[in-house]
N, C-alpha and C. Protein backbone atom coordinates (compact mmCIF):
# COMPACT_ATOMS: atom_id res chain seq x y z
N MET A 1 -2.89 4.56 -8.52
CA MET A 1 -2.27 5.26 -7.40
C MET A 1 -2.92 4.10 -6.68
N PRO A 2 -2.79 3.47 -5.43
CA PRO A 2 -0.73 3.48 -5.32
C PRO A 2 -0.29 2.37 -6.07
N THR A 3 1.16 2.32 -6.26
CA THR A 3 1.77 1.44 -6.61
C THR A 3 2.30 0.13 -5.90
N LEU A 4 2.19 0.40 -4.50
CA LEU A 4 2.40 -0.57 -3.19
C LEU A 4 1.42 -1.46 -3.01
N ALA A 5 1.60 -3.08 -3.41
CA ALA A 5 0.35 -3.57 -2.78
C ALA A 5 -0.26 -3.62 -1.64
N GLY A 6 -1.52 -3.69 -1.00
CA GLY A 6 -1.91 -3.98 -0.16
C GLY A 6 -2.47 -2.82 0.89
N LEU A 7 -2.52 -1.50 -0.48
CA LEU A 7 -3.15 -0.57 0.10
C LEU A 7 -4.66 -0.30 -0.36
N THR A 8 -5.19 0.02 0.70
CA THR A 8 -6.84 0.30 -0.43
C THR A 8 -7.14 1.87 -0.32
N VAL A 9 -7.45 2.74 -1.28
CA VAL A 9 -7.93 4.05 -1.07
C VAL A 9 -9.25 4.15 -1.09
N LEU A 10 -9.00 5.08 -0.34
CA LEU A 10 -10.29 5.45 0.58
C LEU A 10 -10.91 7.16 -0.31
N ALA A 11 -10.53 7.76 -0.50
CA ALA A 11 -10.77 9.12 -0.41
C ALA A 11 -9.50 9.59 -1.80
N VAL A 12 -10.43 10.72 -2.49
CA VAL A 12 -8.85 11.20 -3.43
C VAL A 12 -9.77 12.57 -3.52
N SER A 13 -8.64 13.55 -3.48
CA SER A 13 -8.95 15.28 -3.90
C SER A 13 -7.66 15.54 -4.35
N ARG A 14 -7.96 16.52 -5.67
CA ARG A 14 -6.66 17.46 -6.26
C ARG A 14 -7.31 19.17 -6.22
N THR A 15 -6.25 19.38 -6.73
CA THR A 15 -5.87 20.70 -7.39
C THR A 15 -5.53 20.99 -7.94
N PRO A 16 -4.81 21.54 -9.11
CA PRO A 16 -3.90 21.76 -10.06
C PRO A 16 -2.50 22.04 -9.37
N TRP A 17 -2.79 22.15 -7.67
CA TRP A 17 -1.40 22.00 -6.93
C TRP A 17 -1.35 21.78 -5.58
N ILE A 18 -2.31 20.75 -5.44
CA ILE A 18 -2.00 19.89 -4.27
C ILE A 18 -3.02 18.37 -4.49
N TYR A 19 -2.36 17.84 -4.14
CA TYR A 19 -3.17 16.10 -3.95
C TYR A 19 -3.38 15.41 -2.79
N ARG A 20 -4.32 14.92 -2.32
CA ARG A 20 -4.54 14.53 -1.13
C ARG A 20 -5.02 12.80 -1.61
N ALA A 21 -4.77 12.12 -1.07
CA ALA A 21 -5.27 10.74 -1.16
C ALA A 21 -5.34 9.75 0.37
N ARG A 22 -6.63 9.31 1.11
CA ARG A 22 -6.63 8.73 2.34
C ARG A 22 -6.55 7.25 1.88
N LEU A 23 -5.99 6.60 2.78
CA LEU A 23 -5.51 5.13 2.39
C LEU A 23 -5.76 4.11 3.69
N LEU A 24 -5.95 3.34 3.36
CA LEU A 24 -5.91 2.33 4.80
C LEU A 24 -4.37 1.29 4.17
N LEU A 25 -3.74 1.27 5.44
CA LEU A 25 -2.40 0.28 5.00
C LEU A 25 -3.19 -1.27 5.94
N GLU A 26 -3.62 -2.08 4.62
CA GLU A 26 -4.66 -3.31 4.79
C GLU A 26 -3.06 -4.34 5.99
N PRO A 27 -3.99 -4.75 6.75
CA PRO A 27 -2.95 -5.37 7.98
C PRO A 27 -2.17 -6.74 7.06
N GLU A 28 -2.71 -7.14 5.88
CA GLU A 28 -2.08 -9.00 5.34
C GLU A 28 -1.06 -8.12 4.14
N SER A 29 -0.88 -7.01 3.72
CA SER A 29 -0.15 -5.91 3.38
C SER A 29 1.41 -6.72 2.92
N PRO A 30 2.07 -6.96 1.66
CA PRO A 30 3.42 -7.23 1.44
C PRO A 30 4.54 -6.56 2.30
N CYS A 31 3.71 -5.03 1.94
CA CYS A 31 4.91 -4.31 2.31
C CYS A 31 5.31 -4.49 3.83
N PHE A 32 4.79 -5.11 5.16
CA PHE A 32 4.80 -5.19 5.88
C PHE A 32 5.82 -6.46 6.67
N ALA A 33 5.81 -7.03 5.64
CA ALA A 33 6.50 -8.43 5.72
C ALA A 33 8.15 -8.41 5.92
N GLY A 34 8.62 -9.12 6.95
CA GLY A 34 9.77 -8.67 7.33
C GLY A 34 10.54 -7.34 8.09
N HIS A 35 9.12 -6.69 8.06
CA HIS A 35 9.56 -5.12 8.65
C HIS A 35 8.97 -4.83 9.91
N PHE A 36 9.10 -5.20 11.27
CA PHE A 36 9.64 -5.93 11.65
C PHE A 36 8.42 -7.37 12.14
N PRO A 37 8.65 -8.51 12.56
CA PRO A 37 7.91 -9.65 12.68
C PRO A 37 7.11 -9.20 13.70
N THR A 38 7.44 -9.14 14.97
CA THR A 38 6.44 -9.05 16.16
C THR A 38 5.80 -7.40 16.03
N HIS A 39 6.10 -6.72 15.49
CA HIS A 39 5.85 -5.16 15.50
C HIS A 39 6.06 -4.35 13.95
N PRO A 40 5.21 -5.25 13.23
CA PRO A 40 4.95 -4.44 11.82
C PRO A 40 5.00 -2.97 11.81
N ILE A 41 5.99 -2.33 11.40
CA ILE A 41 5.62 -0.68 10.45
C ILE A 41 5.69 -0.83 9.03
N LEU A 42 5.50 0.08 8.47
CA LEU A 42 5.72 0.56 7.15
C LEU A 42 6.99 1.14 6.67
N PRO A 43 7.95 0.26 6.39
CA PRO A 43 9.30 0.74 5.62
C PRO A 43 9.26 2.37 4.86
N GLY A 44 10.50 2.76 5.56
CA GLY A 44 10.77 4.06 4.95
C GLY A 44 10.79 4.25 3.64
N ILE A 45 11.23 3.46 2.99
CA ILE A 45 11.08 3.47 1.17
C ILE A 45 9.57 3.33 0.60
N ALA A 46 8.94 2.55 1.57
CA ALA A 46 7.22 2.65 1.03
C ALA A 46 6.59 4.46 1.43
N HIS A 47 7.32 4.72 2.33
CA HIS A 47 6.48 6.29 2.47
C HIS A 47 7.38 6.89 0.95
N LEU A 48 8.47 6.76 0.90
CA LEU A 48 8.62 7.59 -0.37
C LEU A 48 7.80 7.42 -1.82
N SER A 49 8.26 5.93 -1.63
CA SER A 49 7.03 5.17 -2.75
C SER A 49 5.45 6.16 -2.65
N LEU A 50 4.63 6.08 -1.75
CA LEU A 50 3.58 6.96 -1.69
C LEU A 50 3.57 8.23 -2.05
N ALA A 51 5.32 8.95 -1.28
CA ALA A 51 4.92 10.37 -2.04
C ALA A 51 5.46 10.57 -3.44
N LEU A 52 5.89 9.92 -3.92
CA LEU A 52 6.49 9.48 -5.97
C LEU A 52 5.07 9.33 -6.71
N ASP A 53 4.29 8.33 -5.86
CA ASP A 53 2.65 8.21 -6.81
C ASP A 53 1.84 8.89 -6.52
N GLY A 54 1.95 9.90 -5.56
CA GLY A 54 1.33 10.99 -5.49
C GLY A 54 1.60 12.63 -6.34
N CYS A 55 2.91 12.25 -6.23
CA CYS A 55 3.68 13.26 -7.35
C CYS A 55 3.18 13.27 -8.99
N ARG A 56 3.02 11.52 -9.15
CA ARG A 56 3.00 11.63 -10.48
C ARG A 56 1.31 11.77 -11.05
N GLU A 57 0.61 11.46 -9.81
CA GLU A 57 -0.74 12.26 -9.48
C GLU A 57 -1.26 13.35 -9.78
N LEU A 58 -0.64 14.40 -9.35
CA LEU A 58 -0.35 15.75 -9.08
C LEU A 58 0.05 15.91 -10.67
N LEU A 59 0.87 15.40 -11.46
CA LEU A 59 1.75 16.07 -12.36
C LEU A 59 0.80 15.63 -14.01
N GLY A 60 0.48 13.89 -13.47
CA GLY A 60 -0.46 13.31 -14.25
C GLY A 60 0.52 12.68 -15.57
N LYS A 61 1.93 12.55 -14.67
CA LYS A 61 2.55 11.61 -15.71
C LYS A 61 3.94 11.41 -14.92
N GLY A 62 4.87 11.21 -15.46
CA GLY A 62 6.17 10.30 -14.48
C GLY A 62 6.23 11.50 -13.70
N ALA A 63 7.27 10.94 -12.80
CA ALA A 63 8.37 12.25 -12.07
C ALA A 63 9.50 11.18 -11.59
N SER A 64 10.42 11.68 -12.30
CA SER A 64 11.78 11.04 -11.48
C SER A 64 12.40 11.29 -10.56
N LEU A 65 12.29 11.22 -9.21
CA LEU A 65 13.27 12.07 -8.44
C LEU A 65 14.48 11.99 -8.68
N VAL A 66 15.40 12.85 -8.24
CA VAL A 66 16.77 13.73 -7.92
C VAL A 66 17.19 13.86 -7.10
N ALA A 67 16.39 14.38 -5.61
CA ALA A 67 17.34 14.50 -4.33
C ALA A 67 15.75 14.34 -3.46
N LEU A 68 15.95 14.37 -2.38
CA LEU A 68 15.70 14.30 -1.00
C LEU A 68 16.13 15.46 -0.15
N HIS A 69 15.11 16.53 0.33
CA HIS A 69 15.69 17.32 1.35
C HIS A 69 14.17 17.07 2.10
N GLY A 70 15.56 17.46 3.68
CA GLY A 70 14.02 17.09 4.62
C GLY A 70 13.68 16.65 5.26
N LEU A 71 13.80 15.06 5.06
CA LEU A 71 13.17 13.95 4.97
C LEU A 71 13.11 13.68 6.65
N ARG A 72 12.16 13.72 6.71
CA ARG A 72 11.82 13.17 8.44
C ARG A 72 10.84 12.00 8.67
N PHE A 73 11.16 10.99 9.37
CA PHE A 73 10.22 9.68 10.04
C PHE A 73 9.99 10.14 11.29
N ARG A 74 8.66 10.30 11.41
CA ARG A 74 8.68 11.06 12.91
C ARG A 74 7.62 9.32 13.82
N ILE A 75 6.65 8.91 13.33
CA ILE A 75 6.28 8.02 13.73
C ILE A 75 5.87 6.95 12.90
N PRO A 76 5.74 5.86 13.41
CA PRO A 76 5.41 4.83 12.82
C PRO A 76 4.31 4.70 12.12
N LEU A 77 4.17 3.93 10.74
CA LEU A 77 3.01 3.19 10.29
C LEU A 77 3.06 1.91 10.26
N ARG A 78 1.65 1.60 11.18
CA ARG A 78 1.18 0.36 11.47
C ARG A 78 0.25 -0.58 10.32
N PRO A 79 -0.11 -1.55 10.33
CA PRO A 79 -1.13 -2.27 9.73
C PRO A 79 -2.32 -2.23 10.16
N GLY A 80 -3.29 -1.56 9.44
CA GLY A 80 -4.52 -1.13 10.13
C GLY A 80 -4.41 0.03 9.92
N ASP A 81 -3.54 1.41 9.48
CA ASP A 81 -4.01 2.45 9.99
C ASP A 81 -4.71 2.69 9.00
N THR A 82 -5.13 4.14 9.04
CA THR A 82 -5.42 4.88 8.07
C THR A 82 -4.81 6.25 7.60
N ILE A 83 -4.06 6.77 6.84
CA ILE A 83 -3.30 7.93 6.78
C ILE A 83 -3.84 8.51 5.42
N GLU A 84 -3.13 9.78 5.68
CA GLU A 84 -3.38 10.85 4.42
C GLU A 84 -2.21 11.11 4.47
N LEU A 85 -2.31 11.20 2.90
CA LEU A 85 -0.83 11.30 1.49
C LEU A 85 -1.56 13.23 0.99
N THR A 86 -0.12 14.27 1.38
CA THR A 86 -0.67 15.52 1.13
C THR A 86 0.67 15.63 0.26
N VAL A 87 0.75 16.19 -1.29
CA VAL A 87 1.60 15.97 -2.33
C VAL A 87 0.82 17.81 -2.62
N THR A 88 2.38 19.04 -2.58
CA THR A 88 2.08 20.10 -2.41
C THR A 88 3.13 20.74 -3.70
N ARG A 89 2.65 21.45 -4.64
CA ARG A 89 3.65 21.81 -5.55
C ARG A 89 3.24 23.28 -5.57
N PRO A 90 4.19 24.13 -5.28
CA PRO A 90 4.18 25.44 -5.68
C PRO A 90 4.59 25.57 -7.28
N LYS A 91 3.46 26.99 -7.99
CA LYS A 91 3.18 27.06 -9.33
C LYS A 91 5.03 27.07 -9.68
N GLU A 92 5.23 25.92 -10.78
CA GLU A 92 6.52 25.99 -11.43
C GLU A 92 7.60 25.74 -10.53
N ALA A 93 7.79 25.22 -10.33
CA ALA A 93 8.53 24.64 -9.06
C ALA A 93 8.66 23.00 -9.22
N LYS A 94 10.09 23.05 -9.30
CA LYS A 94 10.98 21.56 -9.61
C LYS A 94 10.56 20.63 -8.06
N THR A 95 10.52 21.31 -6.88
CA THR A 95 10.39 20.26 -5.57
C THR A 95 9.04 20.70 -5.44
N VAL A 96 8.73 19.51 -4.69
CA VAL A 96 6.84 18.99 -4.42
C VAL A 96 7.31 18.31 -2.95
N ARG A 97 6.39 19.37 -2.32
CA ARG A 97 6.30 18.52 -0.55
C ARG A 97 5.40 17.67 -0.33
N PHE A 98 6.15 16.48 0.47
CA PHE A 98 4.70 15.70 0.85
C PHE A 98 4.77 15.78 2.59
N GLU A 99 3.56 15.25 2.68
CA GLU A 99 3.12 14.94 4.39
C GLU A 99 2.75 13.28 4.30
N LEU A 100 2.61 12.39 5.10
CA LEU A 100 2.11 11.26 5.38
C LEU A 100 1.69 11.34 7.11
N ARG A 101 0.23 11.53 6.97
CA ARG A 101 -0.17 11.70 8.51
C ARG A 101 -0.94 10.44 9.22
N ARG A 102 -0.86 10.30 10.25
CA ARG A 102 -1.94 8.86 10.77
C ARG A 102 -3.11 9.82 11.80
N ALA A 103 -4.18 10.05 11.19
CA ALA A 103 -4.79 11.15 12.12
C ALA A 103 -4.46 12.60 11.70
N GLU A 104 -4.14 13.37 13.02
CA GLU A 104 -3.49 14.19 13.32
C GLU A 104 -1.52 14.35 13.42
N ALA A 105 -1.77 13.07 13.76
CA ALA A 105 0.00 13.10 14.01
C ALA A 105 1.03 12.86 12.89
N LEU A 106 1.92 13.90 12.37
CA LEU A 106 2.49 13.40 11.12
C LEU A 106 3.53 12.24 11.54
N ALA A 107 3.80 11.64 10.38
CA ALA A 107 4.45 10.43 10.43
C ALA A 107 5.59 10.77 9.36
N SER A 108 5.78 11.11 8.40
CA SER A 108 6.99 11.62 7.47
C SER A 108 6.42 12.75 6.46
N SER A 109 7.42 13.14 6.50
CA SER A 109 7.67 14.49 5.47
C SER A 109 8.80 15.02 4.98
N GLY A 110 8.71 15.68 3.68
CA GLY A 110 9.79 16.12 3.29
C GLY A 110 10.11 16.49 1.83
N SER A 111 10.48 16.63 0.98
CA SER A 111 10.43 17.81 0.07
C SER A 111 11.43 16.90 -1.35
N LEU A 112 10.55 16.38 -2.08
CA LEU A 112 11.64 15.64 -3.27
C LEU A 112 11.51 16.88 -4.38
N VAL A 113 12.76 16.59 -5.32
CA VAL A 113 13.23 17.49 -6.44
C VAL A 113 12.99 16.41 -7.28
N LEU A 114 12.30 16.78 -8.84
CA LEU A 114 11.71 16.17 -9.40
C LEU A 114 13.04 16.45 -10.93
N ALA A 115 12.99 15.75 -11.79
CA ALA A 115 13.78 16.20 -12.71
C ALA A 115 13.11 16.84 -13.88
N ASP A 116 13.70 17.17 -14.91
CA ASP A 116 13.34 18.75 -15.58
C ASP A 116 11.94 17.75 -16.72
N ASP A 117 12.20 16.86 -16.55
CA ASP A 117 10.76 15.74 -17.86
C ASP A 117 10.15 15.65 -16.91
N ALA A 118 9.81 16.08 -15.20
CA ALA A 118 8.42 15.53 -14.46
C ALA A 118 7.82 16.49 -14.98
N GLY A 119 7.39 17.75 -15.49
CA GLY A 119 6.53 18.30 -15.51
C GLY A 119 6.74 19.33 -14.46
N ALA A 120 7.33 19.28 -13.44
CA ALA A 120 7.31 20.57 -12.36
C ALA A 120 8.11 21.78 -12.70
């Protein structure tokens, strides 16, 4: 964790059902290149990549994404932001919930439906 370049892991905690990571979005991260030059923000696909990385960390193996439900982008994440990723998996469920926050503000959230081979 993470597979995206330009992120620094500041802290990680986990239980069998919850994974949390505090991350710094480095200002020089290539994730921001071209999105957008004068006011860079973390692209939505990077939010999903972080969520899927969190799923893999929680499950301890690969996670194949089948569907997304209730995906919401609420506030932009910018270079230099410290964010917290939380991934929660109910017992024996194939759906994993994620949230990305900047301080107390919810930046994005949704549910990821994983393939049977993902161990969910």
